[in-house]
PDB file of N, CA and C in Angstrom:
ATOM      1  N   MET A   1     -12.133  27.888  17.129  1.00  0.00           N
ATOM      2  CA  MET A   1     -12.393  26.922  16.210  1.00  0.00           C
ATOM      3  C   MET A   1     -12.680  25.625  16.958  1.00  0.00           C
ATOM      4  N   THR A   2     -13.629  24.926  16.276  1.00  0.00           N
ATOM      5  CA  THR A   2     -14.169  23.570  16.871  1.00  0.00           C
ATOM      6  C   THR A   2     -13.732  22.694  15.953  1.00  0.00           C
ATOM      7  N   PHE A   3     -13.728  21.416  16.432  1.00  0.00           N
ATOM      8  CA  PHE A   3     -13.159  20.168  15.749  1.00  0.00           C
ATOM      9  C   PHE A   3     -14.496  19.481  15.170  1.00  0.00           C
ATOM     10  N   ALA A   4     -14.451  19.135  13.916  1.00  0.00           N
ATOM     11  CA  ALA A   4     -15.722  18.641  13.399  1.00  0.00           C
ATOM     12  C   ALA A   4     -15.260  17.239  12.789  1.00  0.00           C
ATOM     13  N   TRP A   5     -16.276  16.373  12.221  1.00  0.00           N
ATOM     14  CA  TRP A   5     -15.878  15.037  11.990  1.00  0.00           C
ATOM     15  C   TRP A   5     -15.234  14.922  10.500  1.00  0.00           C
ATOM     16  N   TRP A   6     -15.600  16.106   9.805  1.00  0.00           N
ATOM     17  CA  TRP A   6     -14.959  16.034   8.529  1.00  0.00           C
ATOM     18  C   TRP A   6     -13.428  16.696   8.562  1.00  0.00           C
ATOM     19  N   HIS A   7     -12.912  16.991   9.607  1.00  0.00           N
ATOM     20  CA  HIS A   7     -11.481  17.259   9.838  1.00  0.00           C
ATOM     21  C   HIS A   7     -10.706  15.904   9.675  1.00  0.00           C
ATOM     22  N   VAL A   8     -11.243  14.924  10.348  1.00  0.00           N
ATOM     23  CA  VAL A   8     -10.733  13.600  10.144  1.00  0.00           C
ATOM     24  C   VAL A   8     -10.623  13.078   8.866  1.00  0.00           C
ATOM     25  N   LEU A   9     -11.684  13.250   8.207  1.00  0.00           N
ATOM     26  CA  LEU A   9     -11.869  12.778   6.884  1.00  0.00           C
ATOM     27  C   LEU A   9     -10.906  13.593   5.833  1.00  0.00           C
ATOM     28  N   VAL A  10     -10.698  14.786   6.074  1.00  0.00           N
ATOM     29  CA  VAL A  10      -9.889  15.464   5.196  1.00  0.00           C
ATOM     30  C   VAL A  10      -8.418  15.116   5.576  1.00  0.00           C
ATOM     31  N   ALA A  11      -8.210  14.736   6.705  1.00  0.00           N
ATOM     32  CA  ALA A  11      -6.781  14.418   7.237  1.00  0.00           C
ATOM     33  C   ALA A  11      -6.456  12.938   6.638  1.00  0.00           C
ATOM     34  N   LEU A  12      -7.500  12.085   6.460  1.00  0.00           N
ATOM     35  CA  LEU A  12      -7.174  10.687   5.999  1.00  0.00           C
ATOM     36  C   LEU A  12      -7.188  10.582   4.486  1.00  0.00           C
ATOM     37  N   ILE A  13      -8.033  11.388   3.703  1.00  0.00           N
ATOM     38  CA  ILE A  13      -8.028  11.251   2.210  1.00  0.00           C
ATOM     39  C   ILE A  13      -6.546  11.235   1.574  1.00  0.00           C
ATOM     40  N   PRO A  14      -5.506  11.979   1.986  1.00  0.00           N
ATOM     41  CA  PRO A  14      -4.247  11.895   1.224  1.00  0.00           C
ATOM     42  C   PRO A  14      -3.535  10.663   1.617  1.00  0.00           C
ATOM     43  N   MET A  15      -4.024   9.994   2.851  1.00  0.00           N
ATOM     44  CA  MET A  15      -3.357   8.667   3.250  1.00  0.00           C
ATOM     45  C   MET A  15      -3.850   7.556   2.624  1.00  0.00           C
ATOM     46  N   LEU A  16      -4.895   7.601   1.900  1.00  0.00           N
ATOM     47  CA  LEU A  16      -5.568   6.247   1.295  1.00  0.00           C
ATOM     48  C   LEU A  16      -4.665   5.857   0.192  1.00  0.00           C
ATOM     49  N   PRO A  17      -3.875   6.358  -0.563  1.00  0.00           N
ATOM     50  CA  PRO A  17      -2.872   5.781  -1.450  1.00  0.00           C
ATOM     51  C   PRO A  17      -1.942   4.954  -0.695  1.00  0.00           C
ATOM     52  N   SER A  18      -1.565   5.345   0.326  1.00  0.00           N
ATOM     53  CA  SER A  18      -0.458   4.846   1.085  1.00  0.00           C
ATOM     54  C   SER A  18      -0.931   3.488   1.685  1.00  0.00           C
ATOM     55  N   PHE A  19      -2.103   3.662   2.352  1.00  0.00           N
ATOM     56  CA  PHE A  19      -2.760   2.447   2.928  1.00  0.00           C
ATOM     57  C   PHE A  19      -3.016   1.490   1.795  1.00  0.00           C
ATOM     58  N   TRP A  20      -3.617   1.805   0.702  1.00  0.00           N
ATOM     59  CA  TRP A  20      -3.720   0.844  -0.183  1.00  0.00           C
ATOM     60  C   TRP A  20      -2.578   0.108  -0.946  1.00  0.00           C
ATOM     61  N   SER A  21      -1.407   0.788  -0.993  1.00  0.00           N
ATOM     62  CA  SER A  21      -0.158   0.366  -1.456  1.00  0.00           C
ATOM     63  C   SER A  21       0.201  -0.636  -0.583  1.00  0.00           C
ATOM     64  N   ILE A  22       0.264  -0.327   0.536  1.00  0.00           N
ATOM     65  CA  ILE A  22       0.781  -1.123   1.792  1.00  0.00           C
ATOM     66  C   ILE A  22      -0.076  -2.602   1.576  1.00  0.00           C
ATOM     67  N   TRP A  23      -1.228  -2.356   1.608  1.00  0.00           N
ATOM     68  CA  TRP A  23      -2.122  -3.579   1.612  1.00  0.00           C
ATOM     69  C   TRP A  23      -1.801  -4.443   0.318  1.00  0.00           C
ATOM     70  N   HIS A  24      -1.641  -3.797  -0.853  1.00  0.00           N
ATOM     71  CA  HIS A  24      -1.225  -4.360  -2.244  1.00  0.00           C
ATOM     72  C   HIS A  24       0.040  -5.078  -2.105  1.00  0.00           C
ATOM     73  N   ILE A  25       1.036  -4.399  -1.573  1.00  0.00           N
ATOM     74  CA  ILE A  25       2.420  -5.022  -1.433  1.00  0.00           C
ATOM     75  C   ILE A  25       2.279  -6.248  -0.543  1.00  0.00           C
ATOM     76  N   TRP A  26       1.519  -6.285   0.500  1.00  0.00           N
ATOM     77  CA  TRP A  26       1.410  -7.557   1.305  1.00  0.00           C
ATOM     78  C   TRP A  26       0.833  -8.760   0.544  1.00  0.00           C
ATOM     79  N   GLN A  27      -0.092  -8.267  -0.278  1.00  0.00           N
ATOM     80  CA  GLN A  27      -1.006  -9.236  -0.807  1.00  0.00           C
ATOM     81  C   GLN A  27      -0.412  -9.949  -2.211  1.00  0.00           C
ATOM     82  N   HIS A  28       0.680  -9.334  -2.662  1.00  0.00           N
ATOM     83  CA  HIS A  28       1.192  -9.793  -4.094  1.00  0.00           C
ATOM     84  C   HIS A  28       2.683 -10.129  -3.952  1.00  0.00           C
ATOM     85  N   GLU A  29       3.188 -11.040  -4.803  1.00  0.00           N
ATOM     86  CA  GLU A  29       4.449 -11.417  -4.875  1.00  0.00           C
ATOM     87  C   GLU A  29       5.355 -10.400  -5.685  1.00  0.00           C
ATOM     88  N   PHE A  30       6.602 -10.254  -5.628  1.00  0.00           N
ATOM     89  CA  PHE A  30       7.461  -9.427  -6.535  1.00  0.00           C
ATOM     90  C   PHE A  30       8.523 -10.405  -6.934  1.00  0.00           C
ATOM     91  N   GLU A  31       9.403  -9.825  -7.835  1.00  0.00           N
ATOM     92  CA  GLU A  31      10.533 -10.514  -8.538  1.00  0.00           C
ATOM     93  C   GLU A  31      11.489 -10.930  -7.458  1.00  0.00           C
ATOM     94  N   SER A  32      11.742 -10.110  -6.447  1.00  0.00           N
ATOM     95  CA  SER A  32      12.529 -10.671  -5.234  1.00  0.00           C
ATOM     96  C   SER A  32      12.181 -10.083  -3.983  1.00  0.00           C
ATOM     97  N   PRO A  33      12.539 -10.593  -2.923  1.00  0.00           N
ATOM     98  CA  PRO A  33      12.221 -10.031  -1.581  1.00  0.00           C
ATOM     99  C   PRO A  33      12.635  -8.397  -1.454  1.00  0.00           C
ATOM    100  N   GLN A  34      13.865  -8.199  -2.049  1.00  0.00           N
ATOM    101  CA  GLN A  34      14.430  -6.863  -1.928  1.00  0.00           C
ATOM    102  C   GLN A  34      13.496  -5.970  -2.721  1.00  0.00           C
ATOM    103  N   SER A  35      13.076  -6.215  -3.779  1.00  0.00           N
ATOM    104  CA  SER A  35      12.056  -5.258  -4.512  1.00  0.00           C
ATOM    105  C   SER A  35      10.662  -5.137  -3.750  1.00  0.00           C
ATOM    106  N   ARG A  36      10.249  -6.076  -3.184  1.00  0.00           N
ATOM    107  CA  ARG A  36       9.110  -5.919  -2.257  1.00  0.00           C
ATOM    108  C   ARG A  36       9.448  -5.250  -0.938  1.00  0.00           C
ATOM    109  N   ALA A  37      10.412  -5.284  -0.396  1.00  0.00           N
ATOM    110  CA  ALA A  37      10.806  -4.525   0.824  1.00  0.00           C
ATOM    111  C   ALA A  37      11.062  -3.004   0.452  1.00  0.00           C
ATOM    112  N   LEU A  38      11.718  -2.884  -0.772  1.00  0.00           N
ATOM    113  CA  LEU A  38      11.838  -1.439  -1.223  1.00  0.00           C
ATOM    114  C   LEU A  38      10.468  -0.888  -1.442  1.00  0.00           C
ATOM    115  N   TRP A  39       9.637  -1.347  -2.174  1.00  0.00           N
ATOM    116  CA  TRP A  39       8.301  -0.555  -2.330  1.00  0.00           C
ATOM    117  C   TRP A  39       7.647  -0.485  -1.049  1.00  0.00           C
ATOM    118  N   LEU A  40       7.933  -1.408  -0.074  1.00  0.00           N
ATOM    119  CA  LEU A  40       7.028  -1.181   1.428  1.00  0.00           C
ATOM    120  C   LEU A  40       7.751   0.009   1.982  1.00  0.00           C
ATOM    121  N   VAL A  41       9.117   0.078   2.064  1.00  0.00           N
ATOM    122  CA  VAL A  41       9.703   1.275   2.541  1.00  0.00           C
ATOM    123  C   VAL A  41       9.432   2.747   1.796  1.00  0.00           C
ATOM    124  N   LEU A  42       9.241   2.408   0.540  1.00  0.00           N
ATOM    125  CA  LEU A  42       8.901   3.742   0.044  1.00  0.00           C
ATOM    126  C   LEU A  42       7.468   4.229   0.383  1.00  0.00           C
ATOM    127  N   ALA A  43       6.435   3.147   0.395  1.00  0.00           N
ATOM    128  CA  ALA A  43       5.007   3.455   0.863  1.00  0.00           C
ATOM    129  C   ALA A  43       4.893   3.965   2.136  1.00  0.00           C
ATOM    130  N   VAL A  44       5.811   3.431   3.172  1.00  0.00           N
ATOM    131  CA  VAL A  44       5.740   3.762   4.610  1.00  0.00           C
ATOM    132  C   VAL A  44       6.447   5.050   5.065  1.00  0.00           C
ATOM    133  N   PHE A  45       7.752   5.166   4.428  1.00  0.00           N
ATOM    134  CA  PHE A  45       8.382   6.293   4.926  1.00  0.00           C
ATOM    135  C   PHE A  45       8.291   7.660   3.959  1.00  0.00           C
ATOM    136  N   LEU A  46       7.616   7.545   2.864  1.00  0.00           N
ATOM    137  CA  LEU A  46       7.261   8.651   1.979  1.00  0.00           C
ATOM    138  C   LEU A  46       5.558   8.405   1.799  1.00  0.00           C
ATOM    139  N   PRO A  47       4.827   8.731   2.825  1.00  0.00           N
ATOM    140  CA  PRO A  47       3.572   8.328   3.052  1.00  0.00           C
ATOM    141  C   PRO A  47       2.721   8.601   1.582  1.00  0.00           C
ATOM    142  N   VAL A  48       2.295   9.912   1.460  1.00  0.00           N
ATOM    143  CA  VAL A  48       1.498  10.180   0.297  1.00  0.00           C
ATOM    144  C   VAL A  48       2.240   9.941  -0.849  1.00  0.00           C
ATOM    145  N   ILE A  49       3.384  10.677  -1.236  1.00  0.00           N
ATOM    146  CA  ILE A  49       3.968  10.463  -2.532  1.00  0.00           C
ATOM    147  C   ILE A  49       4.474   9.169  -2.770  1.00  0.00           C
ATOM    148  N   GLY A  50       4.924   8.217  -1.736  1.00  0.00           N
ATOM    149  CA  GLY A  50       5.390   6.968  -1.963  1.00  0.00           C
ATOM    150  C   GLY A  50       4.199   6.097  -2.157  1.00  0.00           C
ATOM    151  N   GLY A  51       3.045   6.295  -1.855  1.00  0.00           N
ATOM    152  CA  GLY A  51       1.852   5.487  -2.151  1.00  0.00           C
ATOM    153  C   GLY A  51       1.390   5.769  -3.542  1.00  0.00           C
ATOM    154  N   ILE A  52       1.546   6.932  -4.113  1.00  0.00           N
ATOM    155  CA  ILE A  52       1.043   7.313  -5.535  1.00  0.00           C
ATOM    156  C   ILE A  52       2.194   6.990  -6.375  1.00  0.00           C
ATOM    157  N   ILE A  53       3.506   6.843  -6.019  1.00  0.00           N
ATOM    158  CA  ILE A  53       4.420   6.391  -7.021  1.00  0.00           C
ATOM    159  C   ILE A  53       4.274   4.883  -7.045  1.00  0.00           C
ATOM    160  N   TYR A  54       3.915   4.174  -5.945  1.00  0.00           N
ATOM    161  CA  TYR A  54       3.532   2.747  -6.126  1.00  0.00           C
ATOM    162  C   TYR A  54       2.505   2.358  -7.163  1.00  0.00           C
ATOM    163  N   ILE A  55       1.344   3.236  -6.904  1.00  0.00           N
ATOM    164  CA  ILE A  55       0.404   2.915  -7.634  1.00  0.00           C
ATOM    165  C   ILE A  55       0.538   3.231  -9.159  1.00  0.00           C
ATOM    166  N   VAL A  56       1.441   4.212  -9.546  1.00  0.00           N
ATOM    167  CA  VAL A  56       1.618   4.536 -10.838  1.00  0.00           C
ATOM    168  C   VAL A  56       2.610   3.648 -11.444  1.00  0.00           C
ATOM    169  N   ILE A  57       3.690   3.288 -10.773  1.00  0.00           N
ATOM    170  CA  ILE A  57       4.991   2.413 -11.215  1.00  0.00           C
ATOM    171  C   ILE A  57       4.972   1.028 -10.685  1.00  0.00           C
ATOM    172  N   GLY A  58       4.844   0.890  -9.368  1.00  0.00           N
ATOM    173  CA  GLY A  58       5.145  -0.345  -8.879  1.00  0.00           C
ATOM    174  C   GLY A  58       3.986  -1.371  -8.953  1.00  0.00           C
ATOM    175  N   ARG A  59       2.805  -1.085  -8.918  1.00  0.00           N
ATOM    176  CA  ARG A  59       1.624  -2.008  -9.167  1.00  0.00           C
ATOM    177  C   ARG A  59       2.035  -2.923 -10.392  1.00  0.00           C
ATOM    178  N   GLY A  60       2.414  -2.549 -11.453  1.00  0.00           N
ATOM    179  CA  GLY A  60       2.532  -3.399 -12.514  1.00  0.00           C
ATOM    180  C   GLY A  60       3.693  -4.248 -12.384  1.00  0.00           C
ATOM    181  N   LYS A  61       4.706  -4.010 -11.300  1.00  0.00           N
ATOM    182  CA  LYS A  61       5.577  -4.953 -11.027  1.00  0.00           C
ATOM    183  C   LYS A  61       5.552  -6.055 -10.194  1.00  0.00           C
ATOM    184  N   ALA A  62       4.165  -6.058  -9.515  1.00  0.00           N
ATOM    185  CA  ALA A  62       3.748  -7.128  -8.833  1.00  0.00           C
ATOM    186  C   ALA A  62       3.448  -8.235  -9.600  1.00  0.00           C
ATOM    187  N   ILE A  63       4.038  -9.742  -9.378  1.00  0.00           N
ATOM    188  CA  ILE A  63       3.739 -10.637 -10.273  1.00  0.00           C
ATOM    189  C   ILE A  63       2.424 -11.328 -10.112  1.00  0.00           C
ATOM    190  N   ALA A  64       2.138 -11.790  -8.995  1.00  0.00           N
ATOM    191  CA  ALA A  64       1.036 -12.455  -8.726  1.00  0.00           C
ATOM    192  C   ALA A  64       0.492 -12.392  -7.404  1.00  0.00           C
ATOM    193  N   ARG A  65      -0.732 -12.571  -7.241  1.00  0.00           N
ATOM    194  CA  ARG A  65      -1.543 -12.609  -5.801  1.00  0.00           C
ATOM    195  C   ARG A  65      -0.982 -13.786  -5.060  1.00  0.00           C
ATOM    196  N   ILE A  66      -0.555 -13.522  -3.703  1.00  0.00           N
ATOM    197  CA  ILE A  66      -0.090 -14.639  -2.877  1.00  0.00           C
ATOM    198  C   ILE A  66      -1.411 -15.399  -2.546  1.00  0.00           C
ATOM    199  N   SER A  67      -1.267 -16.798  -2.667  1.00  0.00           N
ATOM    200  CA  SER A  67      -2.379 -17.623  -2.501  1.00  0.00           C
ATOM    201  C   SER A  67      -2.416 -17.983  -0.970  1.00  0.00           C
ATOM    202  N   THR A  68      -3.627 -17.903  -0.485  1.00  0.00           N
ATOM    203  CA  THR A  68      -3.695 -18.198   1.002  1.00  0.00           C
ATOM    204  C   THR A  68      -4.056 -19.795   0.948  1.00  0.00           C
ATOM    205  N   PRO A  69      -3.581 -20.532   2.079  1.00  0.00           N
ATOM    206  CA  PRO A  69      -3.490 -21.938   2.160  1.00  0.00           C
ATOM    207  C   PRO A  69      -5.111 -22.141   2.292  1.00  0.00           C
ATOM    208  N   SER A  70      -5.739 -23.129   1.709  1.00  0.00           N
ATOM    209  CA  SER A  70      -6.995 -23.519   1.830  1.00  0.00           C
ATOM    210  C   SER A  70      -7.151 -24.434   3.172  1.00  0.00           C
ATOM    211  N   LYS A  71      -8.221 -24.243   3.824  1.00  0.00           N
ATOM    212  CA  LYS A  71      -8.529 -25.120   4.990  1.00  0.00           C
ATOM    213  C   LYS A  71      -9.523 -26.297   4.715  1.00  0.00           C
ATOM    214  N   ASP A  72      -8.774 -27.376   4.377  1.00  0.00           N
ATOM    215  CA  ASP A  72      -9.555 -28.495   4.055  1.00  0.00           C
ATOM    216  C   ASP A  72      -9.742 -29.332   5.290  1.00  0.00           C
ATOM    217  N   VAL A  73     -10.947 -29.540   5.789  1.00  0.00           N
ATOM    218  CA  VAL A  73     -11.242 -30.308   6.946  1.00  0.00           C
ATOM    219  C   VAL A  73     -12.053 -31.516   6.612  1.00  0.00           C
TER     220      VAL A  73
END
């Protein structure tokens, strides 16, 4: 059996919800730091299922996007 490029693609596709969830959690604020940490732990330690659960349930619990400081020069 030989290794092909599409094997990597097939292995990464199930991980996309987790990667997106982790990115979304870092970019948004939540009601409390504990809820943010809980969602992050869920997405990291239950990779595929945790990411899907966050997309379905947790995404609506994010309050607002974290604003980045502007660089006024």
